[in-house]
Structures are given as structure tokens and as C-alpha cells.
C-alpha atoms as a PDB file:
ATOM      1  CA  MET A   1      15.720   0.409   8.497  1.00  0.00           C
ATOM      2  CA  ARG A   2      13.456   1.787  11.212  1.00  0.00           C
ATOM      3  CA  LEU A   3      10.838   3.915   9.485  1.00  0.00           C
ATOM      4  CA  ASP A   4       7.789   3.461  11.724  1.00  0.00           C
ATOM      5  CA  GLY A   5       6.063   6.753  12.375  1.00  0.00           C
ATOM      6  CA  ARG A   6       8.091   8.609   9.759  1.00  0.00           C
ATOM      7  CA  ARG A   7       6.360  11.133   7.550  1.00  0.00           C
ATOM      8  CA  THR A   8       6.014  10.697   3.798  1.00  0.00           C
ATOM      9  CA  SER A   9       7.105  13.359   1.336  1.00  0.00           C
ATOM     10  CA  THR A  10       4.520  15.681  -0.163  1.00  0.00           C
ATOM     11  CA  HIS A  11       6.788  16.362  -3.160  1.00  0.00           C
ATOM     12  CA  VAL A  12       5.573  13.241  -4.974  1.00  0.00           C
ATOM     13  CA  ASP A  13       3.891  12.881  -8.354  1.00  0.00           C
ATOM     14  CA  ASP A  14       2.450   9.373  -8.392  1.00  0.00           C
ATOM     15  CA  ARG A  15       1.905   8.483 -12.058  1.00  0.00           C
ATOM     16  CA  ARG A  16       1.509   4.751 -11.580  1.00  0.00           C
ATOM     17  CA  GLY A  17      -1.244   3.461 -13.809  1.00  0.00           C
ATOM     18  CA  ARG A  18      -0.804   6.434 -16.135  1.00  0.00           C
ATOM     19  CA  SER A  19       1.806   4.696 -18.245  1.00  0.00           C
ATOM     20  CA  SER A  20       2.704   5.602 -21.808  1.00  0.00           C
ATOM     21  CA  GLY A  21       2.905   3.407 -24.878  1.00  0.00           C
ATOM     22  CA  ARG A  22       6.354   3.212 -26.337  1.00  0.00           C
ATOM     23  CA  ARG A  23       6.910   4.604 -29.850  1.00  0.00           C
ATOM     24  CA  GLY A  24      10.655   4.897 -29.700  1.00  0.00           C
ATOM     25  CA  MET A  25      13.654   3.946 -27.604  1.00  0.00           C
ATOM     26  CA  ALA A  26      14.874   6.048 -24.716  1.00  0.00           C
ATOM     27  CA  ILE A  27      18.468   5.639 -23.627  1.00  0.00           C
ATOM     28  CA  GLY A  28      20.053   6.566 -20.343  1.00  0.00           C
ATOM     29  CA  GLY A  29      19.525   6.129 -16.641  1.00  0.00           C
ATOM     30  CA  GLY A  30      20.704   6.712 -13.154  1.00  0.00           C
ATOM     31  CA  ILE A  31      22.738   4.952 -10.526  1.00  0.00           C
ATOM     32  CA  VAL A  32      21.875   1.324 -11.256  1.00  0.00           C
ATOM     33  CA  GLY A  33      19.369   1.529 -14.091  1.00  0.00           C
ATOM     34  CA  ILE A  34      22.037   2.309 -16.644  1.00  0.00           C
ATOM     35  CA  ILE A  35      24.100  -0.558 -15.255  1.00  0.00           C
ATOM     36  CA  ILE A  36      21.227  -3.029 -15.443  1.00  0.00           C
ATOM     37  CA  ALA A  37      20.545  -1.882 -18.994  1.00  0.00           C
ATOM     38  CA  ALA A  38      24.198  -2.493 -19.788  1.00  0.00           C
ATOM     39  CA  VAL A  39      24.089  -5.950 -18.223  1.00  0.00           C
ATOM     40  CA  ALA A  40      21.020  -6.797 -20.262  1.00  0.00           C
ATOM     41  CA  THR A  41      22.798  -5.595 -23.368  1.00  0.00           C
ATOM     42  CA  TRP A  42      25.850  -7.661 -22.558  1.00  0.00           C
ATOM     43  CA  LEU A  43      23.744 -10.768 -21.984  1.00  0.00           C
ATOM     44  CA  SER A  44      21.901 -10.266 -25.248  1.00  0.00           C
ATOM     45  CA  GLY A  45      25.103  -9.845 -27.243  1.00  0.00           C
ATOM     46  CA  GLY A  46      24.848  -6.078 -27.751  1.00  0.00           C
ATOM     47  CA  ASN A  47      27.393  -3.351 -27.173  1.00  0.00           C
ATOM     48  CA  PRO A  48      27.396  -2.304 -23.501  1.00  0.00           C
ATOM     49  CA  ILE A  49      29.343   0.856 -24.206  1.00  0.00           C
ATOM     50  CA  ASP A  50      26.417   2.174 -26.249  1.00  0.00           C
ATOM     51  CA  VAL A  51      24.256   1.915 -23.143  1.00  0.00           C
ATOM     52  CA  LEU A  52      26.838   3.044 -20.618  1.00  0.00           C
ATOM     53  CA  SER A  53      27.649   6.211 -22.535  1.00  0.00           C
ATOM     54  CA  GLY A  54      24.059   7.087 -23.478  1.00  0.00           C
ATOM     55  CA  ALA A  55      21.845   9.880 -22.204  1.00  0.00           C
ATOM     56  CA  LEU A  56      18.066  10.267 -22.140  1.00  0.00           C
ATOM     57  CA  GLY A  57      16.707  10.555 -25.633  1.00  0.00           C
ATOM     58  CA  ASN A  58      13.803  12.560 -26.934  1.00  0.00           C
ATOM     59  CA  THR A  59      11.946   9.774 -28.676  1.00  0.00           C
ATOM     60  CA  GLY A  60       8.165   9.833 -28.577  1.00  0.00           C
ATOM     61  CA  PHE A  61       5.569   8.062 -26.448  1.00  0.00           C
ATOM     62  CA  GLU A  62       1.832   7.859 -26.798  1.00  0.00           C
ATOM     63  CA  SER A  63      -0.280   8.207 -23.686  1.00  0.00           C
ATOM     64  CA  GLN A  64      -2.449   5.214 -22.840  1.00  0.00           C
ATOM     65  CA  GLN A  65      -5.141   4.939 -20.183  1.00  0.00           C
ATOM     66  CA  GLN A  66      -4.810   1.708 -18.233  1.00  0.00           C
ATOM     67  CA  THR A  67      -6.607  -0.016 -15.399  1.00  0.00           C
ATOM     68  CA  TYR A  68      -3.879  -0.481 -12.858  1.00  0.00           C
ATOM     69  CA  THR A  69      -3.938  -2.174  -9.476  1.00  0.00           C
ATOM     70  CA  PRO A  70      -0.637  -2.130  -7.614  1.00  0.00           C
ATOM     71  CA  THR A  71       0.423  -5.183  -5.642  1.00  0.00           C
ATOM     72  CA  ALA A  72       0.793  -5.066  -1.882  1.00  0.00           C
ATOM     73  CA  GLU A  73       4.574  -5.267  -2.334  1.00  0.00           C
ATOM     74  CA  GLU A  74       4.551  -2.282  -4.677  1.00  0.00           C
ATOM     75  CA  GLU A  75       2.438  -0.236  -2.288  1.00  0.00           C
ATOM     76  CA  GLU A  76       4.908  -1.043   0.472  1.00  0.00           C
ATOM     77  CA  LEU A  77       7.788   0.086  -1.761  1.00  0.00           C
ATOM     78  CA  ALA A  78       5.913   3.274  -2.669  1.00  0.00           C
ATOM     79  CA  ASP A  79       5.394   4.131   1.005  1.00  0.00           C
ATOM     80  CA  PHE A  80       9.038   3.279   1.711  1.00  0.00           C
ATOM     81  CA  SER A  81      10.267   5.498  -1.129  1.00  0.00           C
ATOM     82  CA  LYS A  82       8.152   8.431   0.035  1.00  0.00           C
ATOM     83  CA  LYS A  83       9.529   8.108   3.571  1.00  0.00           C
ATOM     84  CA  ILE A  84      13.126   7.927   2.358  1.00  0.00           C
ATOM     85  CA  PHE A  85      12.499  10.948   0.139  1.00  0.00           C
ATOM     86  CA  ALA A  86      11.087  12.838   3.125  1.00  0.00           C
ATOM     87  CA  GLY A  87      14.230  11.912   5.043  1.00  0.00           C
ATOM     88  CA  THR A  88      16.416  13.403   2.320  1.00  0.00           C
ATOM     89  CA  GLU A  89      14.355  16.599   2.510  1.00  0.00           C
ATOM     90  CA  ASP A  90      14.832  16.845   6.272  1.00  0.00           C
ATOM     91  CA  VAL A  91      18.575  16.163   6.160  1.00  0.00           C
ATOM     92  CA  TRP A  92      19.485  18.401   3.221  1.00  0.00           C
ATOM     93  CA  THR A  93      17.276  21.246   4.474  1.00  0.00           C
ATOM     94  CA  LYS A  94      19.261  21.145   7.721  1.00  0.00           C
ATOM     95  CA  LEU A  95      22.670  20.896   6.067  1.00  0.00           C
ATOM     96  CA  PHE A  96      21.958  23.686   3.574  1.00  0.00           C
ATOM     97  CA  ALA A  97      20.651  25.936   6.359  1.00  0.00           C
ATOM     98  CA  GLU A  98      23.901  25.409   8.272  1.00  0.00           C
ATOM     99  CA  GLN A  99      25.688  26.878   5.237  1.00  0.00           C
ATOM    100  CA  GLY A 100      23.288  29.801   4.921  1.00  0.00           C
ATOM    101  CA  ARG A 101      21.586  28.244   1.916  1.00  0.00           C
ATOM    102  CA  THR A 102      17.998  27.252   1.169  1.00  0.00           C
ATOM    103  CA  TYR A 103      17.374  23.687   0.057  1.00  0.00           C
ATOM    104  CA  GLU A 104      14.709  23.385  -2.637  1.00  0.00           C
ATOM    105  CA  PRO A 105      13.566  19.735  -2.644  1.00  0.00           C
ATOM    106  CA  PRO A 106      13.225  17.872  -5.926  1.00  0.00           C
ATOM    107  CA  THR A 107      10.044  16.085  -6.940  1.00  0.00           C
ATOM    108  CA  LEU A 108       9.756  12.310  -6.856  1.00  0.00           C
ATOM    109  CA  VAL A 109       7.866  10.751  -9.778  1.00  0.00           C
ATOM    110  CA  LEU A 110       6.681   7.171  -9.357  1.00  0.00           C
ATOM    111  CA  TYR A 111       5.651   5.628 -12.661  1.00  0.00           C
ATOM    112  CA  THR A 112       4.997   2.312 -14.346  1.00  0.00           C
ATOM    113  CA  GLY A 113       6.294   1.315 -17.742  1.00  0.00           C
ATOM    114  CA  ALA A 114       7.105   4.669 -19.323  1.00  0.00           C
ATOM    115  CA  THR A 115       6.796   8.362 -18.685  1.00  0.00           C
ATOM    116  CA  THR A 116       7.905  11.766 -19.899  1.00  0.00           C
ATOM    117  CA  SER A 117      10.440  14.004 -18.179  1.00  0.00           C
ATOM    118  CA  GLY A 118      12.131  17.340 -18.684  1.00  0.00           C
ATOM    119  CA  CYS A 119      15.093  15.396 -20.084  1.00  0.00           C
ATOM    120  CA  GLY A 120      13.052  13.414 -22.611  1.00  0.00           C
ATOM    121  CA  ASN A 121      10.989  10.259 -22.565  1.00  0.00           C
ATOM    122  CA  ALA A 122      11.976   7.250 -20.503  1.00  0.00           C
ATOM    123  CA  ASP A 123      10.889   3.735 -19.742  1.00  0.00           C
ATOM    124  CA  ALA A 124      11.501   1.377 -16.858  1.00  0.00           C
ATOM    125  CA  SER A 125      14.517  -0.278 -18.483  1.00  0.00           C
ATOM    126  CA  ILE A 126      16.752   2.724 -17.738  1.00  0.00           C
ATOM    127  CA  GLY A 127      16.084   2.581 -13.998  1.00  0.00           C
ATOM    128  CA  PRO A 128      15.967   5.509 -11.561  1.00  0.00           C
ATOM    129  CA  PHE A 129      17.372   8.796 -12.804  1.00  0.00           C
ATOM    130  CA  TYR A 130      17.556  12.472 -11.920  1.00  0.00           C
ATOM    131  CA  CYS A 131      16.643  15.171 -14.422  1.00  0.00           C
ATOM    132  CA  SER A 132      18.012  18.622 -13.610  1.00  0.00           C
ATOM    133  CA  ALA A 133      15.803  20.286 -16.236  1.00  0.00           C
ATOM    134  CA  ASP A 134      12.710  19.689 -14.106  1.00  0.00           C
ATOM    135  CA  GLU A 135      14.532  18.928 -10.816  1.00  0.00           C
ATOM    136  CA  THR A 136      12.880  15.537 -10.515  1.00  0.00           C
ATOM    137  CA  VAL A 137      13.844  11.997  -9.553  1.00  0.00           C
ATOM    138  CA  TYR A 138      12.081   9.286 -11.600  1.00  0.00           C
ATOM    139  CA  ILE A 139      11.567   5.722 -10.359  1.00  0.00           C
ATOM    140  CA  ASP A 140       9.618   2.743 -11.636  1.00  0.00           C
ATOM    141  CA  LEU A 141       9.309   0.658  -8.461  1.00  0.00           C
ATOM    142  CA  SER A 142       9.714  -2.610 -10.375  1.00  0.00           C
ATOM    143  CA  PHE A 143      13.357  -1.586 -10.583  1.00  0.00           C
ATOM    144  CA  PHE A 144      13.982  -2.789  -7.049  1.00  0.00           C
ATOM    145  CA  SER A 145      12.990  -6.369  -7.888  1.00  0.00           C
ATOM    146  CA  ASP A 146      15.092  -6.069 -11.072  1.00  0.00           C
ATOM    147  CA  MET A 147      17.990  -4.911  -8.933  1.00  0.00           C
ATOM    148  CA  ARG A 148      17.632  -7.962  -6.703  1.00  0.00           C
ATOM    149  CA  ARG A 149      17.222 -10.378  -9.585  1.00  0.00           C
ATOM    150  CA  THR A 150      19.810  -8.958 -11.980  1.00  0.00           C
ATOM    151  CA  ILE A 151      22.727  -8.062  -9.742  1.00  0.00           C
ATOM    152  CA  GLY A 152      21.793  -9.679  -6.434  1.00  0.00           C
ATOM    153  CA  ALA A 153      21.674  -6.403  -4.490  1.00  0.00           C
ATOM    154  CA  ASP A 154      18.858  -6.409  -1.944  1.00  0.00           C
ATOM    155  CA  GLY A 155      17.665  -4.898   1.315  1.00  0.00           C
ATOM    156  CA  ASP A 156      15.808  -1.770   2.362  1.00  0.00           C
ATOM    157  CA  PHE A 157      18.946   0.279   2.951  1.00  0.00           C
ATOM    158  CA  ALA A 158      20.293  -0.784  -0.436  1.00  0.00           C
ATOM    159  CA  TYR A 159      17.087   0.592  -1.957  1.00  0.00           C
ATOM    160  CA  ALA A 160      17.385   3.756   0.141  1.00  0.00           C
ATOM    161  CA  TYR A 161      20.936   4.188  -1.170  1.00  0.00           C
ATOM    162  CA  VAL A 162      19.582   4.198  -4.730  1.00  0.00           C
ATOM    163  CA  ILE A 163      17.099   6.960  -3.926  1.00  0.00           C
ATOM    164  CA  ALA A 164      19.599   8.978  -1.898  1.00  0.00           C
ATOM    165  CA  HIS A 165      22.162   8.765  -4.710  1.00  0.00           C
ATOM    166  CA  GLU A 166      19.716  10.305  -7.179  1.00  0.00           C
ATOM    167  CA  VAL A 167      18.903  13.033  -4.659  1.00  0.00           C
ATOM    168  CA  GLY A 168      22.669  13.497  -4.418  1.00  0.00           C
ATOM    169  CA  HIS A 169      22.613  14.557  -8.064  1.00  0.00           C
ATOM    170  CA  HIS A 170      19.996  17.156  -7.140  1.00  0.00           C
ATOM    171  CA  VAL A 171      22.334  18.460  -4.438  1.00  0.00           C
ATOM    172  CA  GLN A 172      25.063  18.703  -7.093  1.00  0.00           C
ATOM    173  CA  HIS A 173      22.625  20.614  -9.286  1.00  0.00           C
ATOM    174  CA  LEU A 174      21.793  23.110  -6.532  1.00  0.00           C
ATOM    175  CA  LEU A 175      25.470  23.618  -5.727  1.00  0.00           C
ATOM    176  CA  GLY A 176      26.347  24.174  -9.398  1.00  0.00           C
ATOM    177  CA  GLN A 177      28.580  21.125  -9.828  1.00  0.00           C
ATOM    178  CA  LEU A 178      26.256  19.214 -12.142  1.00  0.00           C
ATOM    179  CA  ALA A 179      26.084  21.933 -14.796  1.00  0.00           C
ATOM    180  CA  GLN A 180      29.817  22.561 -14.547  1.00  0.00           C
ATOM    181  CA  SER A 181      30.638  18.879 -15.075  1.00  0.00           C
ATOM    182  CA  HIS A 182      28.162  18.443 -17.917  1.00  0.00           C
ATOM    183  CA  ASP A 183      29.686  21.446 -19.688  1.00  0.00           C
ATOM    184  CA  LYS A 184      33.153  19.975 -19.271  1.00  0.00           C
ATOM    185  CA  MET A 185      31.988  16.582 -20.532  1.00  0.00           C
ATOM    186  CA  GLN A 186      30.608  18.124 -23.717  1.00  0.00           C
ATOM    187  CA  ARG A 187      33.994  19.688 -24.457  1.00  0.00           C
ATOM    188  CA  SER A 188      36.084  16.595 -23.650  1.00  0.00           C
ATOM    189  CA  SER A 189      37.155  13.380 -25.331  1.00  0.00           C
ATOM    190  CA  GLN A 190      35.119  10.280 -24.555  1.00  0.00           C
ATOM    191  CA  THR A 191      37.693   9.038 -22.042  1.00  0.00           C
ATOM    192  CA  GLU A 192      37.910  12.413 -20.289  1.00  0.00           C
ATOM    193  CA  SER A 193      34.118  12.661 -20.282  1.00  0.00           C
ATOM    194  CA  ASN A 194      33.897   9.229 -18.665  1.00  0.00           C
ATOM    195  CA  HIS A 195      36.376  10.317 -16.001  1.00  0.00           C
ATOM    196  CA  GLU A 196      34.279  13.387 -15.212  1.00  0.00           C
ATOM    197  CA  SER A 197      31.180  11.200 -15.033  1.00  0.00           C
ATOM    198  CA  VAL A 198      32.919   8.921 -12.530  1.00  0.00           C
ATOM    199  CA  ARG A 199      33.718  11.948 -10.353  1.00  0.00           C
ATOM    200  CA  LEU A 200      30.050  13.001 -10.432  1.00  0.00           C
ATOM    201  CA  GLU A 201      28.788   9.526  -9.583  1.00  0.00           C
ATOM    202  CA  LEU A 202      31.248   9.040  -6.724  1.00  0.00           C
ATOM    203  CA  GLN A 203      30.242  12.372  -5.242  1.00  0.00           C
ATOM    204  CA  ALA A 204      26.576  11.346  -5.465  1.00  0.00           C
ATOM    205  CA  ASP A 205      27.533   8.123  -3.641  1.00  0.00           C
ATOM    206  CA  TYR A 206      29.263  10.269  -1.012  1.00  0.00           C
ATOM    207  CA  TYR A 207      26.189  12.464  -0.614  1.00  0.00           C
ATOM    208  CA  ALA A 208      24.052   9.337  -0.183  1.00  0.00           C
ATOM    209  CA  GLY A 209      26.333   8.413   2.699  1.00  0.00           C
ATOM    210  CA  VAL A 210      26.060  11.925   4.162  1.00  0.00           C
ATOM    211  CA  TRP A 211      22.283  11.635   4.070  1.00  0.00           C
ATOM    212  CA  ALA A 212      22.364   8.253   5.843  1.00  0.00           C
ATOM    213  CA  HIS A 213      24.733   9.628   8.509  1.00  0.00           C
ATOM    214  CA  HIS A 214      22.371  12.453   9.416  1.00  0.00           C
ATOM    215  CA  ASP A 215      19.153  10.506   8.929  1.00  0.00           C
ATOM    216  CA  ASN A 216      20.405   8.066  11.536  1.00  0.00           C
ATOM    217  CA  LEU A 217      21.339  10.902  13.919  1.00  0.00           C
ATOM    218  CA  MET A 218      17.926  12.514  13.470  1.00  0.00           C
ATOM    219  CA  PHE A 219      15.718   9.426  13.492  1.00  0.00           C
ATOM    220  CA  GLY A 220      17.775   6.417  14.622  1.00  0.00           C
ATOM    221  CA  SER A 221      16.927   4.776  11.306  1.00  0.00           C
ATOM    222  CA  LEU A 222      19.835   2.362  10.824  1.00  0.00           C
ATOM    223  CA  GLU A 223      19.648  -1.215  12.043  1.00  0.00           C
ATOM    224  CA  PRO A 224      22.361  -3.891  12.209  1.00  0.00           C
ATOM    225  CA  GLY A 225      23.205  -5.037   8.687  1.00  0.00           C
ATOM    226  CA  ASP A 226      21.886  -1.928   6.936  1.00  0.00           C
ATOM    227  CA  ILE A 227      25.280  -0.436   6.135  1.00  0.00           C
ATOM    228  CA  GLU A 228      26.479  -3.790   4.837  1.00  0.00           C
ATOM    229  CA  GLU A 229      23.475  -3.920   2.476  1.00  0.00           C
ATOM    230  CA  ALA A 230      24.352  -0.562   0.960  1.00  0.00           C
ATOM    231  CA  LEU A 231      28.064  -1.341   0.675  1.00  0.00           C
ATOM    232  CA  ASP A 232      27.224  -4.652  -0.993  1.00  0.00           C
ATOM    233  CA  ALA A 233      25.018  -2.809  -3.500  1.00  0.00           C
ATOM    234  CA  ALA A 234      27.806  -0.286  -4.153  1.00  0.00           C
ATOM    235  CA  GLN A 235      30.233  -3.141  -4.774  1.00  0.00           C
ATOM    236  CA  LYS A 236      27.868  -4.867  -7.191  1.00  0.00           C
ATOM    237  CA  ILE A 237      27.314  -1.774  -9.311  1.00  0.00           C
ATOM    238  CA  GLY A 238      30.987  -1.030  -9.799  1.00  0.00           C
ATOM    239  CA  ASP A 239      31.882  -0.790 -13.480  1.00  0.00           C
ATOM    240  CA  ASP A 240      34.714  -3.290 -13.109  1.00  0.00           C
ATOM    241  CA  TYR A 241      32.540  -5.825 -11.296  1.00  0.00           C
ATOM    242  CA  LEU A 242      29.791  -5.680 -13.907  1.00  0.00           C
ATOM    243  CA  GLN A 243      32.105  -5.798 -16.902  1.00  0.00           C
ATOM    244  CA  LYS A 244      34.045  -8.753 -15.518  1.00  0.00           C
ATOM    245  CA  ARG A 245      30.816 -10.549 -14.724  1.00  0.00           C
ATOM    246  CA  ALA A 246      29.454  -9.951 -18.201  1.00  0.00           C
ATOM    247  CA  GLN A 247      32.486 -10.445 -20.416  1.00  0.00           C
ATOM    248  CA  GLY A 248      35.298 -11.696 -18.223  1.00  0.00           C
ATOM    249  CA  TYR A 249      37.414  -8.526 -18.325  1.00  0.00           C
ATOM    250  CA  ALA A 250      37.148  -4.805 -17.635  1.00  0.00           C
ATOM    251  CA  VAL A 251      37.742  -1.801 -19.904  1.00  0.00           C
ATOM    252  CA  PRO A 252      38.810   1.005 -17.520  1.00  0.00           C
ATOM    253  CA  ASP A 253      38.530   3.820 -20.077  1.00  0.00           C
ATOM    254  CA  SER A 254      34.839   2.975 -20.469  1.00  0.00           C
ATOM    255  CA  PHE A 255      34.058   3.300 -16.747  1.00  0.00           C
ATOM    256  CA  ASN A 256      31.607   6.121 -16.057  1.00  0.00           C
ATOM    257  CA  HIS A 257      30.267   5.274 -12.599  1.00  0.00           C
ATOM    258  CA  GLY A 258      33.398   4.082 -10.789  1.00  0.00           C
ATOM    259  CA  THR A 259      34.891   0.794  -9.661  1.00  0.00           C
ATOM    260  CA  SER A 260      33.437  -1.291  -6.856  1.00  0.00           C
ATOM    261  CA  ALA A 261      36.224  -0.183  -4.520  1.00  0.00           C
ATOM    262  CA  GLN A 262      35.696   3.491  -5.369  1.00  0.00           C
ATOM    263  CA  ARG A 263      31.937   3.363  -4.889  1.00  0.00           C
ATOM    264  CA  GLU A 264      32.231   1.573  -1.554  1.00  0.00           C
ATOM    265  CA  ARG A 265      34.965   3.968  -0.410  1.00  0.00           C
ATOM    266  CA  TRP A 266      33.069   7.165  -1.162  1.00  0.00           C
ATOM    267  CA  LEU A 267      29.760   5.872   0.214  1.00  0.00           C
ATOM    268  CA  ARG A 268      31.573   4.810   3.389  1.00  0.00           C
ATOM    269  CA  LYS A 269      33.357   8.181   3.601  1.00  0.00           C
ATOM    270  CA  GLY A 270      30.020  10.006   3.475  1.00  0.00           C
ATOM    271  CA  LEU A 271      28.613   7.710   6.150  1.00  0.00           C
ATOM    272  CA  ASP A 272      31.617   8.312   8.382  1.00  0.00           C
ATOM    273  CA  THR A 273      32.102  12.073   7.975  1.00  0.00           C
ATOM    274  CA  GLY A 274      28.615  13.436   7.377  1.00  0.00           C
ATOM    275  CA  THR A 275      29.938  16.696   5.933  1.00  0.00           C
ATOM    276  CA  ILE A 276      29.428  18.276   2.527  1.00  0.00           C
ATOM    277  CA  ALA A 277      32.970  19.651   2.465  1.00  0.00           C
ATOM    278  CA  ALA A 278      34.714  16.266   2.570  1.00  0.00           C
ATOM    279  CA  GLY A 279      33.005  15.115  -0.626  1.00  0.00           C
ATOM    280  CA  ASP A 280      35.305  16.770  -3.153  1.00  0.00           C
ATOM    281  CA  THR A 281      35.827  14.149  -5.865  1.00  0.00           C
ATOM    282  CA  PHE A 282      37.053  16.705  -8.403  1.00  0.00           C
ATOM    283  CA  SER A 283      40.321  18.019  -6.916  1.00  0.00           C
ATOM    284  CA  PRO A 284      42.140  14.687  -6.369  1.00  0.00           C
ATOM    285  CA  SER A 285      43.945  13.052  -9.273  1.00  0.00           C
ATOM    286  CA  TYR A 286      41.757  10.540 -11.090  1.00  0.00           C
ATOM    287  CA  SER A 287      44.021   7.655 -10.092  1.00  0.00           C
ATOM    288  CA  SER A 288      43.646   8.473  -6.401  1.00  0.00           C
ATOM    289  CA  LEU A 289      39.856   8.374  -6.324  1.00  0.00           C
END
């Protein structure tokens, strides 16, 4: 991606080096974190469904003061993340204004090890996530190397896709879809709840594509190979791909993020159309997603 000269977001709370000591276990995660946690569980002989269907817990953490010196690679990733976040602010501010709405940007929290959020306590093992209670995206930057090592998804646009997907959940929150889906999930069977979760995740993938479409129009940010990086990442975080890799078969009723084909399709659709309106993942039948 071409990011030279781009501004960095001012809506950033950099907590790196202000980690917390773990006193309990937090469960949950975002786009890929929950998948990586599931893969780790699979590989260690645990039950992946426990991880895939979990949400952030409210277990306790004790604050610890640490001497922390980030590596050059981490500083580069921090600068990259702040620029991508600024790009999401610019794009969604424009798109909301075109609809007569005001876009209120989320906050980006960068942390190391563990932190607290409006949705409970979390540690790096759950990966990036969005919390609607405090309208914040949380990322431990070591996740990107975990993403490369664990599932083989790599590249700057693949990383940007992760960030943009979590911001996509914020867009859902502002438009009212997130609360509506969460309410429906609480009143549904596990299978129906998983289906609703898939619809949410695919729409967030779509919104990530919408962001990339407009970011490229505004800044000329995409380079040859970038789109392929993101589509490869989408393919490698499909529920079917990960389950088959881990245990040799897939359990469709347990899917809660979408298949590889679905995730690629909706990300590509967002990239191609660039409109909010074309991202309705809730009206079509589940089988046609």
C-alpha cells in the first residue's frame, strides 16, 4: 500500500508498555483473533467451539508497570495502523455525510499483553476486536506476526483489512445493525445465533471492501498485489478452511464468521461497488450468502 505522506489518526490511545497482569481468562475476539484462538485450541486438543462461540469475559486483571521498548518492526506497524485508521475516518466521514449523517470515529487502542475494555478484560490471545460499549477497536500489534505464522496470511493490505473489518463493526453499531443482531442472537438457538453472527461478519468484510474502494479513490493507496493479499487472508480465515485444516472436516452449524468463499465474495463485492446500500447481508436467505 502507498501510505507515504498520509496523516495518522488522533483517535488513538497507545497503551503499549502499560500491560496488565492476568488474573483470569478472557474469551472472545474479533475478525481473526477468535479464529487464531480456535486454531490454538484445536492444536492443543481443546474444544474449538468453546472459543468460537465465546464473548469477552469480565475476569479480572491486575495493573503492572513495565519497562517497555518497542521494536522497530512494532513501531512501523503502529504507524501503519494509525494511518489506516485515519483512512477509515476520512472515508466513512465522507460516506456518512453523503447520507446526511455524522460519522463519529471510534478510538483505536494499541496495547501489549492485556488490557481492559468496556466489554471486559482481554489479552492478546483473542486478537483484534471491536467493543460497542466504549466504541473502541483494540489491537495488540503482535497479532500481525501471529497472523502470518499461524494461518499464513501476510501483507500490508491483509493487515489493513483486519483493521477495516473491525471499523466495519463500528459502522454497524452507528447504523443500529449491531445492537439489533446481538438482541436477535440472545433470543435464538445456538445455530440461529451462529447464522446471525455470520451475517454480521460478512457485512463487516463488505464494509472493509467499501473502505478500500474509497481509500484508493481518495489517496491512490492500492498497489499491484494488494487486493490479492486481502482476498487470500479472507480465504484463510473462513470457518470451513480453518476447521478442515485443524480436524479434517467442517461443522457448518458451528460457523460464525462465514466460509472462505463467502468472506472473499463479500470483501470483493465491497471493493467493487463501494456503496453502503449493496452490503445487505441480512435480507438474502442464509444459503445464498
